[in-house]
N, C-alpha and C. Protein backbone atom coordinates (compact mmCIF):
# COMPACT_ATOMS: atom_id res chain seq x y z
N TYR A 1 11.49 -34.78 -54.75
CA TYR A 1 10.38 -33.84 -54.89
C TYR A 1 9.13 -34.61 -55.28
N ARG A 2 8.60 -35.42 -54.35
CA ARG A 2 7.40 -36.21 -54.56
C ARG A 2 7.47 -37.00 -55.87
N ALA A 3 8.56 -37.68 -56.03
CA ALA A 3 8.77 -38.43 -57.26
C ALA A 3 7.72 -39.52 -57.46
N SER A 4 7.13 -39.99 -56.36
CA SER A 4 6.14 -41.06 -56.47
C SER A 4 4.79 -40.56 -56.98
N ASN A 5 4.57 -39.23 -56.89
CA ASN A 5 3.31 -38.65 -57.34
C ASN A 5 3.51 -38.10 -58.75
N LYS A 6 3.09 -38.85 -59.73
CA LYS A 6 3.31 -38.46 -61.12
C LYS A 6 2.46 -37.27 -61.54
N LYS A 7 1.36 -36.99 -60.76
CA LYS A 7 0.47 -35.88 -61.12
C LYS A 7 0.88 -34.56 -60.46
N ALA A 8 1.84 -34.60 -59.55
CA ALA A 8 2.25 -33.39 -58.85
C ALA A 8 2.93 -32.42 -59.81
N LYS A 9 2.61 -31.13 -59.62
CA LYS A 9 3.22 -30.11 -60.44
C LYS A 9 4.59 -29.76 -59.87
N TYR A 10 5.59 -29.76 -60.72
CA TYR A 10 6.95 -29.46 -60.30
C TYR A 10 7.16 -27.95 -60.38
N SER A 11 7.29 -27.29 -59.19
CA SER A 11 7.43 -25.83 -59.14
C SER A 11 8.63 -25.46 -58.27
N PRO A 12 9.82 -25.63 -58.75
CA PRO A 12 11.02 -25.38 -57.94
C PRO A 12 11.22 -23.92 -57.58
N ASP A 13 10.57 -22.97 -58.28
CA ASP A 13 10.75 -21.54 -58.01
C ASP A 13 9.61 -20.93 -57.20
N LEU A 14 8.76 -21.78 -56.61
CA LEU A 14 7.59 -21.27 -55.89
C LEU A 14 8.01 -20.43 -54.69
N GLY A 15 9.15 -20.73 -54.06
CA GLY A 15 9.60 -19.96 -52.90
C GLY A 15 9.78 -18.49 -53.18
N GLY A 16 10.02 -18.13 -54.41
CA GLY A 16 10.20 -16.73 -54.75
C GLY A 16 8.99 -16.14 -55.44
N ASN A 17 7.84 -16.78 -55.33
CA ASN A 17 6.60 -16.31 -55.97
C ASN A 17 6.08 -15.09 -55.23
N LYS A 18 6.16 -13.93 -55.86
CA LYS A 18 5.78 -12.69 -55.18
C LYS A 18 4.28 -12.61 -54.91
N ALA A 19 3.47 -13.16 -55.78
CA ALA A 19 2.03 -13.13 -55.57
C ALA A 19 1.65 -13.94 -54.33
N ALA A 20 2.25 -15.13 -54.21
CA ALA A 20 1.96 -15.97 -53.05
C ALA A 20 2.44 -15.32 -51.76
N GLU A 21 3.64 -14.74 -51.78
CA GLU A 21 4.16 -14.10 -50.58
C GLU A 21 3.33 -12.88 -50.20
N ALA A 22 2.82 -12.17 -51.19
CA ALA A 22 1.96 -11.02 -50.90
C ALA A 22 0.70 -11.46 -50.16
N VAL A 23 0.13 -12.60 -50.58
CA VAL A 23 -1.09 -13.10 -49.93
C VAL A 23 -0.82 -13.46 -48.48
N TRP A 24 0.23 -14.26 -48.22
CA TRP A 24 0.42 -14.73 -46.84
C TRP A 24 1.08 -13.71 -45.92
N TRP A 25 1.51 -12.57 -46.47
CA TRP A 25 2.01 -11.49 -45.60
C TRP A 25 1.00 -10.34 -45.48
N LEU A 26 0.40 -9.92 -46.57
CA LEU A 26 -0.47 -8.74 -46.53
C LEU A 26 -1.79 -8.98 -45.82
N ILE A 27 -2.39 -10.18 -45.99
CA ILE A 27 -3.66 -10.44 -45.32
C ILE A 27 -3.49 -10.45 -43.79
N PRO A 28 -2.53 -11.20 -43.23
CA PRO A 28 -2.34 -11.12 -41.77
C PRO A 28 -1.97 -9.71 -41.30
N LEU A 29 -1.16 -8.99 -42.12
CA LEU A 29 -0.78 -7.64 -41.75
C LEU A 29 -2.01 -6.73 -41.68
N ALA A 30 -2.93 -6.89 -42.63
CA ALA A 30 -4.15 -6.08 -42.62
C ALA A 30 -5.00 -6.39 -41.39
N ILE A 31 -5.10 -7.67 -41.03
CA ILE A 31 -5.88 -8.06 -39.85
C ILE A 31 -5.27 -7.46 -38.58
N ILE A 32 -3.94 -7.57 -38.46
CA ILE A 32 -3.25 -7.04 -37.28
C ILE A 32 -3.41 -5.52 -37.19
N THR A 33 -3.34 -4.85 -38.35
CA THR A 33 -3.48 -3.39 -38.37
C THR A 33 -4.86 -2.96 -37.90
N VAL A 34 -5.91 -3.64 -38.38
CA VAL A 34 -7.27 -3.31 -37.98
C VAL A 34 -7.47 -3.55 -36.48
N LEU A 35 -7.03 -4.73 -36.01
CA LEU A 35 -7.17 -5.04 -34.59
C LEU A 35 -6.36 -4.09 -33.72
N GLY A 36 -5.16 -3.74 -34.17
CA GLY A 36 -4.33 -2.81 -33.42
C GLY A 36 -4.98 -1.44 -33.31
N GLY A 37 -5.62 -0.98 -34.40
CA GLY A 37 -6.31 0.31 -34.37
C GLY A 37 -7.47 0.30 -33.38
N ILE A 38 -8.23 -0.80 -33.37
CA ILE A 38 -9.36 -0.92 -32.44
C ILE A 38 -8.87 -0.92 -30.99
N ILE A 39 -7.81 -1.68 -30.72
CA ILE A 39 -7.27 -1.77 -29.36
C ILE A 39 -6.72 -0.43 -28.90
N TRP A 40 -6.00 0.25 -29.79
CA TRP A 40 -5.42 1.55 -29.45
C TRP A 40 -6.52 2.55 -29.10
N THR A 41 -7.54 2.63 -29.94
CA THR A 41 -8.62 3.59 -29.72
C THR A 41 -9.40 3.28 -28.46
N SER A 42 -9.81 2.03 -28.30
CA SER A 42 -10.63 1.67 -27.14
C SER A 42 -9.85 1.79 -25.84
N SER A 43 -8.55 1.49 -25.86
CA SER A 43 -7.73 1.61 -24.65
C SER A 43 -7.65 3.06 -24.19
N HIS A 44 -7.46 3.99 -25.12
CA HIS A 44 -7.39 5.39 -24.74
C HIS A 44 -8.76 5.95 -24.35
N GLU A 45 -9.84 5.38 -24.89
CA GLU A 45 -11.18 5.79 -24.45
C GLU A 45 -11.41 5.43 -23.00
N LEU A 46 -10.77 4.36 -22.52
CA LEU A 46 -10.95 3.88 -21.15
C LEU A 46 -9.87 4.40 -20.21
N ASP A 47 -9.05 5.34 -20.65
CA ASP A 47 -8.00 5.89 -19.81
C ASP A 47 -8.61 6.53 -18.57
N PRO A 48 -8.28 6.05 -17.36
CA PRO A 48 -8.88 6.60 -16.14
C PRO A 48 -8.48 8.05 -15.88
N PHE A 49 -7.41 8.52 -16.49
CA PHE A 49 -7.00 9.91 -16.33
C PHE A 49 -7.77 10.86 -17.25
N LYS A 50 -8.53 10.31 -18.17
CA LYS A 50 -9.23 11.14 -19.15
C LYS A 50 -10.53 11.67 -18.57
N PRO A 51 -10.71 12.99 -18.50
CA PRO A 51 -11.96 13.56 -17.95
C PRO A 51 -13.17 13.13 -18.77
N LEU A 52 -14.30 13.03 -18.09
CA LEU A 52 -15.55 12.65 -18.75
C LEU A 52 -16.25 13.89 -19.28
N HIS A 53 -16.82 13.79 -20.47
CA HIS A 53 -17.52 14.92 -21.07
C HIS A 53 -18.94 15.01 -20.52
N SER A 54 -19.31 16.20 -20.08
CA SER A 54 -20.65 16.41 -19.54
C SER A 54 -20.94 17.91 -19.51
N ASP A 55 -22.24 18.25 -19.55
CA ASP A 55 -22.62 19.66 -19.44
C ASP A 55 -22.74 20.09 -17.99
N LYS A 56 -22.47 19.16 -17.06
CA LYS A 56 -22.52 19.47 -15.63
C LYS A 56 -21.12 19.65 -15.08
N LYS A 57 -21.00 20.54 -14.10
CA LYS A 57 -19.71 20.79 -13.48
C LYS A 57 -19.27 19.57 -12.67
N PRO A 58 -18.06 19.08 -12.88
CA PRO A 58 -17.59 17.90 -12.14
C PRO A 58 -17.48 18.17 -10.64
N VAL A 59 -17.60 17.12 -9.86
CA VAL A 59 -17.38 17.17 -8.42
C VAL A 59 -15.99 16.61 -8.13
N THR A 60 -15.18 17.35 -7.39
CA THR A 60 -13.84 16.90 -7.03
C THR A 60 -13.86 16.27 -5.65
N ILE A 61 -13.38 15.04 -5.57
CA ILE A 61 -13.29 14.34 -4.28
C ILE A 61 -11.87 13.80 -4.14
N GLN A 62 -11.23 14.16 -3.06
CA GLN A 62 -9.86 13.69 -2.78
C GLN A 62 -9.93 12.48 -1.87
N VAL A 63 -9.21 11.44 -2.24
CA VAL A 63 -9.27 10.16 -1.53
C VAL A 63 -7.91 9.87 -0.89
N VAL A 64 -7.94 9.55 0.40
CA VAL A 64 -6.72 9.18 1.12
C VAL A 64 -6.92 7.79 1.71
N ALA A 65 -6.08 6.86 1.31
CA ALA A 65 -6.12 5.51 1.88
C ALA A 65 -5.34 5.50 3.18
N LEU A 66 -6.00 5.11 4.26
CA LEU A 66 -5.38 5.02 5.57
C LEU A 66 -5.40 3.57 6.04
N GLN A 67 -4.79 3.31 7.19
CA GLN A 67 -4.87 1.97 7.78
C GLN A 67 -6.05 1.95 8.76
N TRP A 68 -7.08 1.22 8.57
CA TRP A 68 -7.56 0.57 7.36
C TRP A 68 -8.93 1.15 7.09
N LYS A 69 -8.93 2.32 6.49
CA LYS A 69 -10.15 3.09 6.24
C LYS A 69 -9.89 4.05 5.09
N TRP A 70 -10.98 4.61 4.59
CA TRP A 70 -10.90 5.55 3.47
C TRP A 70 -11.35 6.93 3.92
N LEU A 71 -10.54 7.93 3.65
CA LEU A 71 -10.88 9.31 3.94
C LEU A 71 -11.22 10.02 2.64
N PHE A 72 -12.40 10.64 2.60
CA PHE A 72 -12.85 11.38 1.41
C PHE A 72 -12.93 12.87 1.76
N ILE A 73 -12.21 13.68 1.01
CA ILE A 73 -12.17 15.12 1.25
C ILE A 73 -12.84 15.83 0.08
N TYR A 74 -13.77 16.72 0.40
CA TYR A 74 -14.46 17.52 -0.61
C TYR A 74 -13.93 18.96 -0.51
N PRO A 75 -12.90 19.32 -1.28
CA PRO A 75 -12.28 20.64 -1.13
C PRO A 75 -13.19 21.81 -1.48
N ASP A 76 -14.14 21.60 -2.39
CA ASP A 76 -15.04 22.69 -2.78
C ASP A 76 -16.18 22.88 -1.78
N GLU A 77 -16.54 21.80 -1.07
CA GLU A 77 -17.64 21.88 -0.11
C GLU A 77 -17.14 22.03 1.32
N ASN A 78 -15.81 21.89 1.52
CA ASN A 78 -15.20 22.00 2.86
C ASN A 78 -15.77 21.00 3.85
N ILE A 79 -15.89 19.75 3.40
CA ILE A 79 -16.31 18.67 4.27
C ILE A 79 -15.40 17.46 4.03
N ALA A 80 -15.49 16.48 4.92
CA ALA A 80 -14.75 15.24 4.76
C ALA A 80 -15.54 14.11 5.39
N THR A 81 -15.35 12.90 4.90
CA THR A 81 -16.05 11.74 5.42
C THR A 81 -15.08 10.56 5.53
N VAL A 82 -15.46 9.59 6.33
CA VAL A 82 -14.70 8.36 6.45
C VAL A 82 -15.60 7.19 6.06
N ASN A 83 -15.13 6.39 5.14
CA ASN A 83 -15.82 5.17 4.68
C ASN A 83 -17.21 5.42 4.09
N TYR A 84 -17.42 6.63 3.59
CA TYR A 84 -18.69 6.95 2.91
C TYR A 84 -18.42 8.09 1.94
N VAL A 85 -18.89 7.90 0.70
CA VAL A 85 -18.73 8.96 -0.29
C VAL A 85 -20.05 9.12 -1.04
N GLN A 86 -20.47 10.36 -1.22
CA GLN A 86 -21.74 10.64 -1.90
C GLN A 86 -21.50 11.67 -2.99
N PHE A 87 -22.23 11.53 -4.09
CA PHE A 87 -22.07 12.45 -5.22
C PHE A 87 -23.37 12.46 -6.02
N PRO A 88 -23.61 13.51 -6.80
CA PRO A 88 -24.83 13.59 -7.60
C PRO A 88 -24.79 12.68 -8.82
N GLU A 89 -25.94 12.16 -9.20
CA GLU A 89 -26.04 11.30 -10.37
C GLU A 89 -25.79 12.09 -11.66
N LYS A 90 -25.38 11.37 -12.70
CA LYS A 90 -25.17 11.95 -14.03
C LYS A 90 -24.22 13.14 -14.00
N THR A 91 -23.30 13.12 -13.05
CA THR A 91 -22.33 14.19 -12.88
C THR A 91 -20.93 13.59 -12.79
N PRO A 92 -19.97 14.06 -13.58
CA PRO A 92 -18.61 13.51 -13.49
C PRO A 92 -18.01 13.73 -12.10
N VAL A 93 -17.35 12.72 -11.60
CA VAL A 93 -16.66 12.82 -10.31
C VAL A 93 -15.16 12.64 -10.57
N ASN A 94 -14.41 13.67 -10.22
CA ASN A 94 -12.96 13.63 -10.40
C ASN A 94 -12.31 13.23 -9.08
N PHE A 95 -11.89 11.98 -9.00
CA PHE A 95 -11.22 11.49 -7.80
C PHE A 95 -9.73 11.76 -7.91
N GLN A 96 -9.16 12.36 -6.86
CA GLN A 96 -7.72 12.50 -6.72
C GLN A 96 -7.32 11.55 -5.59
N ILE A 97 -6.37 10.66 -5.83
CA ILE A 97 -6.15 9.53 -4.93
C ILE A 97 -4.70 9.47 -4.47
N THR A 98 -4.52 9.30 -3.15
CA THR A 98 -3.19 9.10 -2.59
C THR A 98 -3.31 8.17 -1.38
N SER A 99 -2.20 7.96 -0.71
CA SER A 99 -2.19 7.08 0.47
C SER A 99 -1.32 7.68 1.55
N ASP A 100 -1.74 7.50 2.80
CA ASP A 100 -0.92 7.87 3.95
C ASP A 100 -0.65 6.61 4.76
N ALA A 101 -0.43 5.53 4.04
CA ALA A 101 -0.26 4.19 4.61
C ALA A 101 0.37 3.31 3.53
N PRO A 102 0.47 2.00 3.73
CA PRO A 102 0.98 1.14 2.67
C PRO A 102 0.17 1.28 1.38
N MET A 103 0.79 0.95 0.26
CA MET A 103 0.11 1.06 -1.03
C MET A 103 -1.23 0.33 -0.99
N ASN A 104 -2.23 0.95 -1.56
CA ASN A 104 -3.56 0.38 -1.57
C ASN A 104 -4.17 0.52 -2.95
N SER A 105 -5.46 0.21 -3.06
CA SER A 105 -6.14 0.30 -4.36
C SER A 105 -7.59 0.69 -4.15
N PHE A 106 -7.98 1.79 -4.78
CA PHE A 106 -9.34 2.34 -4.67
C PHE A 106 -10.22 1.74 -5.76
N TRP A 107 -11.39 1.21 -5.35
CA TRP A 107 -12.20 0.47 -6.33
C TRP A 107 -13.69 0.54 -5.99
N ILE A 108 -14.49 1.01 -6.97
CA ILE A 108 -15.95 0.90 -6.91
C ILE A 108 -16.34 0.05 -8.11
N PRO A 109 -16.45 -1.27 -7.96
CA PRO A 109 -16.58 -2.19 -9.10
C PRO A 109 -17.74 -1.85 -10.04
N SER A 110 -18.86 -1.38 -9.52
CA SER A 110 -20.03 -1.12 -10.37
C SER A 110 -19.86 0.12 -11.24
N LEU A 111 -18.87 0.96 -10.94
CA LEU A 111 -18.69 2.21 -11.68
C LEU A 111 -17.43 2.25 -12.53
N GLY A 112 -16.43 1.45 -12.19
CA GLY A 112 -15.20 1.50 -12.99
C GLY A 112 -14.10 0.65 -12.38
N GLY A 113 -12.93 0.73 -12.99
CA GLY A 113 -11.81 -0.08 -12.57
C GLY A 113 -11.07 0.52 -11.38
N GLN A 114 -10.15 -0.26 -10.83
CA GLN A 114 -9.39 0.16 -9.65
C GLN A 114 -8.20 1.01 -10.05
N ILE A 115 -7.80 1.88 -9.10
CA ILE A 115 -6.62 2.72 -9.28
C ILE A 115 -5.79 2.63 -8.00
N TYR A 116 -4.50 2.44 -8.13
CA TYR A 116 -3.64 2.32 -6.97
C TYR A 116 -3.48 3.65 -6.23
N ALA A 117 -3.40 3.54 -4.91
CA ALA A 117 -3.16 4.69 -4.04
C ALA A 117 -1.78 4.50 -3.41
N MET A 118 -0.88 5.46 -3.65
CA MET A 118 0.50 5.32 -3.19
C MET A 118 0.96 6.56 -2.43
N SER A 119 1.71 6.35 -1.38
CA SER A 119 2.21 7.46 -0.57
C SER A 119 3.10 8.38 -1.40
N GLY A 120 2.92 9.67 -1.19
CA GLY A 120 3.75 10.66 -1.88
C GLY A 120 3.45 10.81 -3.35
N MET A 121 2.33 10.24 -3.80
CA MET A 121 1.98 10.30 -5.22
C MET A 121 0.48 10.49 -5.35
N SER A 122 0.04 11.33 -6.27
CA SER A 122 -1.37 11.57 -6.50
C SER A 122 -1.78 11.01 -7.86
N THR A 123 -2.77 10.14 -7.86
CA THR A 123 -3.29 9.59 -9.10
C THR A 123 -4.73 10.06 -9.31
N LYS A 124 -5.32 9.70 -10.43
CA LYS A 124 -6.64 10.20 -10.78
C LYS A 124 -7.56 9.08 -11.24
N LEU A 125 -8.85 9.33 -11.08
CA LEU A 125 -9.87 8.43 -11.60
C LEU A 125 -11.13 9.24 -11.85
N HIS A 126 -11.70 9.11 -13.04
CA HIS A 126 -12.92 9.83 -13.39
C HIS A 126 -14.07 8.83 -13.54
N LEU A 127 -15.11 9.02 -12.74
CA LEU A 127 -16.26 8.12 -12.78
C LEU A 127 -17.54 8.94 -12.85
N MET A 128 -18.63 8.27 -13.25
CA MET A 128 -19.94 8.91 -13.25
C MET A 128 -21.02 7.84 -13.13
N ALA A 129 -21.96 8.06 -12.23
CA ALA A 129 -23.09 7.15 -12.06
C ALA A 129 -24.25 7.63 -12.93
N ASP A 130 -24.79 6.73 -13.74
CA ASP A 130 -25.87 7.09 -14.66
C ASP A 130 -27.21 7.28 -13.96
N LYS A 131 -27.32 6.78 -12.73
CA LYS A 131 -28.58 6.88 -11.99
C LYS A 131 -28.31 6.85 -10.50
N SER A 132 -29.34 7.18 -9.72
CA SER A 132 -29.20 7.11 -8.27
C SER A 132 -29.03 5.66 -7.84
N GLY A 133 -28.24 5.45 -6.80
CA GLY A 133 -28.03 4.09 -6.33
C GLY A 133 -26.97 4.04 -5.26
N VAL A 134 -26.85 2.89 -4.65
CA VAL A 134 -25.85 2.65 -3.62
C VAL A 134 -24.88 1.59 -4.14
N TYR A 135 -23.59 1.89 -4.09
CA TYR A 135 -22.57 1.01 -4.63
C TYR A 135 -21.55 0.67 -3.55
N GLN A 136 -21.04 -0.51 -3.61
CA GLN A 136 -20.04 -0.94 -2.63
C GLN A 136 -18.63 -0.67 -3.14
N GLY A 137 -17.83 -0.06 -2.29
CA GLY A 137 -16.44 0.21 -2.62
C GLY A 137 -15.52 -0.57 -1.70
N SER A 138 -14.32 -0.81 -2.15
CA SER A 138 -13.41 -1.60 -1.33
C SER A 138 -11.96 -1.35 -1.72
N SER A 139 -11.08 -1.97 -0.97
CA SER A 139 -9.67 -2.01 -1.31
C SER A 139 -9.43 -3.23 -2.18
N ALA A 140 -8.67 -3.06 -3.25
CA ALA A 140 -8.37 -4.19 -4.14
C ALA A 140 -6.91 -4.60 -4.03
N ASN A 141 -6.28 -4.22 -2.91
CA ASN A 141 -4.87 -4.56 -2.73
C ASN A 141 -4.61 -4.90 -1.27
N LEU A 142 -4.08 -6.09 -1.02
CA LEU A 142 -3.80 -6.51 0.35
C LEU A 142 -2.89 -5.49 1.04
N SER A 143 -3.31 -5.05 2.23
CA SER A 143 -2.57 -3.98 2.90
C SER A 143 -2.45 -4.21 4.40
N GLY A 144 -2.50 -5.46 4.84
CA GLY A 144 -2.31 -5.72 6.25
C GLY A 144 -3.51 -6.37 6.91
N LYS A 145 -3.46 -6.49 8.23
CA LYS A 145 -4.45 -7.27 8.96
C LYS A 145 -5.86 -6.67 8.94
N GLY A 146 -5.99 -5.38 8.68
CA GLY A 146 -7.32 -4.77 8.63
C GLY A 146 -7.89 -4.68 7.24
N PHE A 147 -7.25 -5.31 6.27
CA PHE A 147 -7.66 -5.21 4.87
C PHE A 147 -9.10 -5.63 4.64
N ALA A 148 -9.53 -6.72 5.27
CA ALA A 148 -10.87 -7.27 5.02
C ALA A 148 -11.98 -6.29 5.37
N GLY A 149 -11.74 -5.42 6.33
CA GLY A 149 -12.77 -4.46 6.73
C GLY A 149 -12.63 -3.11 6.09
N MET A 150 -11.72 -2.98 5.13
CA MET A 150 -11.49 -1.69 4.48
C MET A 150 -12.47 -1.49 3.33
N LYS A 151 -13.72 -1.30 3.70
CA LYS A 151 -14.79 -1.14 2.71
C LYS A 151 -15.50 0.18 2.94
N PHE A 152 -16.17 0.67 1.90
CA PHE A 152 -16.91 1.92 2.03
C PHE A 152 -18.16 1.88 1.15
N THR A 153 -19.07 2.79 1.43
CA THR A 153 -20.30 2.90 0.65
C THR A 153 -20.22 4.13 -0.25
N ALA A 154 -20.55 3.95 -1.51
CA ALA A 154 -20.62 5.06 -2.47
C ALA A 154 -22.09 5.23 -2.86
N LYS A 155 -22.61 6.44 -2.69
CA LYS A 155 -24.03 6.68 -2.96
C LYS A 155 -24.21 7.79 -3.98
N SER A 156 -25.00 7.51 -4.99
CA SER A 156 -25.34 8.50 -6.02
C SER A 156 -26.78 8.96 -5.78
N THR A 157 -26.98 10.27 -5.73
CA THR A 157 -28.31 10.83 -5.45
C THR A 157 -28.62 11.96 -6.42
N THR A 158 -29.80 12.53 -6.30
CA THR A 158 -30.13 13.71 -7.08
C THR A 158 -29.29 14.88 -6.60
N GLN A 159 -29.23 15.93 -7.39
CA GLN A 159 -28.45 17.11 -7.02
C GLN A 159 -28.98 17.73 -5.73
N ASP A 160 -30.31 17.81 -5.60
CA ASP A 160 -30.89 18.41 -4.39
C ASP A 160 -30.56 17.58 -3.15
N GLU A 161 -30.64 16.27 -3.28
CA GLU A 161 -30.31 15.41 -2.15
C GLU A 161 -28.83 15.54 -1.78
N TYR A 162 -28.00 15.66 -2.78
CA TYR A 162 -26.57 15.83 -2.54
C TYR A 162 -26.28 17.12 -1.78
N GLU A 163 -26.89 18.22 -2.22
CA GLU A 163 -26.66 19.50 -1.56
C GLU A 163 -27.18 19.50 -0.13
N SER A 164 -28.31 18.84 0.11
CA SER A 164 -28.85 18.74 1.47
C SER A 164 -27.91 17.93 2.35
N TRP A 165 -27.35 16.86 1.79
CA TRP A 165 -26.41 16.03 2.54
C TRP A 165 -25.16 16.81 2.91
N VAL A 166 -24.65 17.62 2.00
CA VAL A 166 -23.46 18.44 2.27
C VAL A 166 -23.72 19.36 3.45
N GLN A 167 -24.88 19.97 3.50
CA GLN A 167 -25.21 20.88 4.61
C GLN A 167 -25.29 20.13 5.93
N ARG A 168 -25.82 18.91 5.91
CA ARG A 168 -25.90 18.11 7.14
C ARG A 168 -24.51 17.74 7.64
N VAL A 169 -23.62 17.41 6.71
CA VAL A 169 -22.26 17.06 7.12
C VAL A 169 -21.54 18.26 7.72
N LYS A 170 -21.75 19.44 7.16
CA LYS A 170 -21.11 20.64 7.69
C LYS A 170 -21.52 20.92 9.12
N SER A 171 -22.73 20.55 9.48
CA SER A 171 -23.22 20.81 10.83
C SER A 171 -23.08 19.59 11.74
N ALA A 172 -22.26 18.62 11.31
CA ALA A 172 -22.12 17.38 12.08
C ALA A 172 -21.42 17.60 13.41
N GLY A 173 -20.66 18.68 13.54
CA GLY A 173 -20.05 18.99 14.83
C GLY A 173 -18.55 18.79 14.87
N SER A 174 -18.01 17.75 14.22
CA SER A 174 -16.57 17.48 14.25
C SER A 174 -15.85 18.26 13.17
N THR A 175 -14.63 18.67 13.46
CA THR A 175 -13.81 19.40 12.50
C THR A 175 -12.54 18.61 12.23
N LEU A 176 -12.19 18.46 10.97
CA LEU A 176 -10.97 17.75 10.59
C LEU A 176 -9.87 18.78 10.32
N ASN A 177 -8.92 18.85 11.24
CA ASN A 177 -7.76 19.72 11.07
C ASN A 177 -6.50 18.88 11.23
N ASP A 178 -5.36 19.53 11.35
CA ASP A 178 -4.11 18.78 11.41
C ASP A 178 -4.06 17.86 12.63
N ASN A 179 -4.54 18.33 13.77
CA ASN A 179 -4.48 17.53 15.00
C ASN A 179 -5.44 16.35 14.94
N SER A 180 -6.68 16.59 14.52
CA SER A 180 -7.65 15.50 14.46
C SER A 180 -7.30 14.51 13.36
N TYR A 181 -6.64 15.00 12.30
CA TYR A 181 -6.20 14.08 11.25
C TYR A 181 -5.13 13.13 11.77
N THR A 182 -4.23 13.63 12.60
CA THR A 182 -3.18 12.78 13.17
C THR A 182 -3.79 11.61 13.93
N ASP A 183 -4.85 11.88 14.69
CA ASP A 183 -5.55 10.81 15.41
C ASP A 183 -6.27 9.88 14.45
N LEU A 184 -6.90 10.46 13.43
CA LEU A 184 -7.65 9.65 12.47
C LEU A 184 -6.73 8.71 11.70
N ALA A 185 -5.52 9.17 11.42
CA ALA A 185 -4.59 8.39 10.58
C ALA A 185 -3.98 7.20 11.31
N LYS A 186 -4.20 7.09 12.61
CA LYS A 186 -3.66 5.95 13.35
C LYS A 186 -4.36 4.66 12.90
N PRO A 187 -3.64 3.55 12.82
CA PRO A 187 -4.25 2.30 12.35
C PRO A 187 -5.45 1.89 13.21
N SER A 188 -6.54 1.50 12.54
CA SER A 188 -7.74 1.02 13.21
C SER A 188 -8.52 0.17 12.23
N LYS A 189 -9.30 -0.76 12.76
CA LYS A 189 -10.00 -1.73 11.92
C LYS A 189 -11.52 -1.56 12.03
N ASN A 190 -12.22 -1.95 10.94
CA ASN A 190 -13.69 -1.98 10.91
C ASN A 190 -14.28 -0.65 11.37
N ASN A 191 -13.84 0.42 10.75
CA ASN A 191 -14.24 1.77 11.15
C ASN A 191 -15.65 2.11 10.68
N LYS A 192 -16.37 2.83 11.51
CA LYS A 192 -17.71 3.30 11.17
C LYS A 192 -17.63 4.58 10.34
N VAL A 193 -18.73 4.95 9.74
CA VAL A 193 -18.80 6.17 8.95
C VAL A 193 -18.66 7.38 9.88
N GLN A 194 -17.85 8.35 9.45
CA GLN A 194 -17.67 9.59 10.21
C GLN A 194 -17.82 10.78 9.26
N TYR A 195 -18.30 11.90 9.82
CA TYR A 195 -18.47 13.13 9.05
C TYR A 195 -17.68 14.26 9.72
N PHE A 196 -17.09 15.13 8.88
CA PHE A 196 -16.31 16.24 9.40
C PHE A 196 -16.57 17.51 8.57
N ALA A 197 -16.48 18.65 9.25
CA ALA A 197 -16.28 19.91 8.54
C ALA A 197 -14.78 20.05 8.34
N LEU A 198 -14.36 20.54 7.19
CA LEU A 198 -12.94 20.58 6.86
C LEU A 198 -12.29 21.83 7.44
N GLY A 199 -11.31 21.62 8.34
CA GLY A 199 -10.65 22.75 8.98
C GLY A 199 -9.36 23.16 8.29
N ASN A 200 -8.89 22.35 7.34
CA ASN A 200 -7.66 22.66 6.60
C ASN A 200 -7.90 22.33 5.14
N ASP A 201 -8.06 23.36 4.31
CA ASP A 201 -8.41 23.12 2.91
C ASP A 201 -7.23 22.62 2.08
N ARG A 202 -6.04 22.52 2.69
CA ARG A 202 -4.87 21.98 2.00
C ARG A 202 -4.42 20.66 2.62
N LEU A 203 -5.34 19.98 3.28
CA LEU A 203 -5.00 18.73 3.97
C LEU A 203 -4.50 17.69 2.99
N TYR A 204 -5.17 17.55 1.85
CA TYR A 204 -4.75 16.54 0.86
C TYR A 204 -3.33 16.81 0.38
N ASP A 205 -3.00 18.07 0.10
CA ASP A 205 -1.64 18.40 -0.35
C ASP A 205 -0.63 18.11 0.76
N THR A 206 -1.01 18.32 2.00
CA THR A 206 -0.11 18.02 3.12
C THR A 206 0.16 16.53 3.20
N VAL A 207 -0.88 15.73 3.02
CA VAL A 207 -0.73 14.27 3.03
C VAL A 207 0.19 13.83 1.91
């Protein structure tokens, strides 16, 4: 026991010193408890399934990942679009997400994190744009040879501009029903933006 050090204090019972053990156990425990509380709270604040609080009525948009394009269905407005989604600024957007193709991932990087789109399963994502703007959306999951072109534009506008856009889409001429959806769902690459009036208000549930 350090016999060569004549000044060393001989403490053979230090291993059972309750004061010392309290220090080296309680201080780390307190740190872990505080950090754990912060992580728990902040993680649940960022839960993508958690609706956003706002005095404005949320907009519901149903998202279907296809090969290799994105279909956006607006059940309340009875319209649908391909590779383009528009919504009013400062308004919560409730995305309902599924896939009618291999598993994919819906992502608008400037507005929030990605959420997987899977066949036979509906997931959720709540986003809101603080101002008007144009944002790039994409697939964040490799899904085949057309993956690189599976991109879309997300646009946030004023409420008036959004409502005017909805009316223009309704008069676009094309109707999305069961038959036209079957054609749309066929694999295709580098698809252009398309607009539809919705002919089947339960299309998302059917998918």
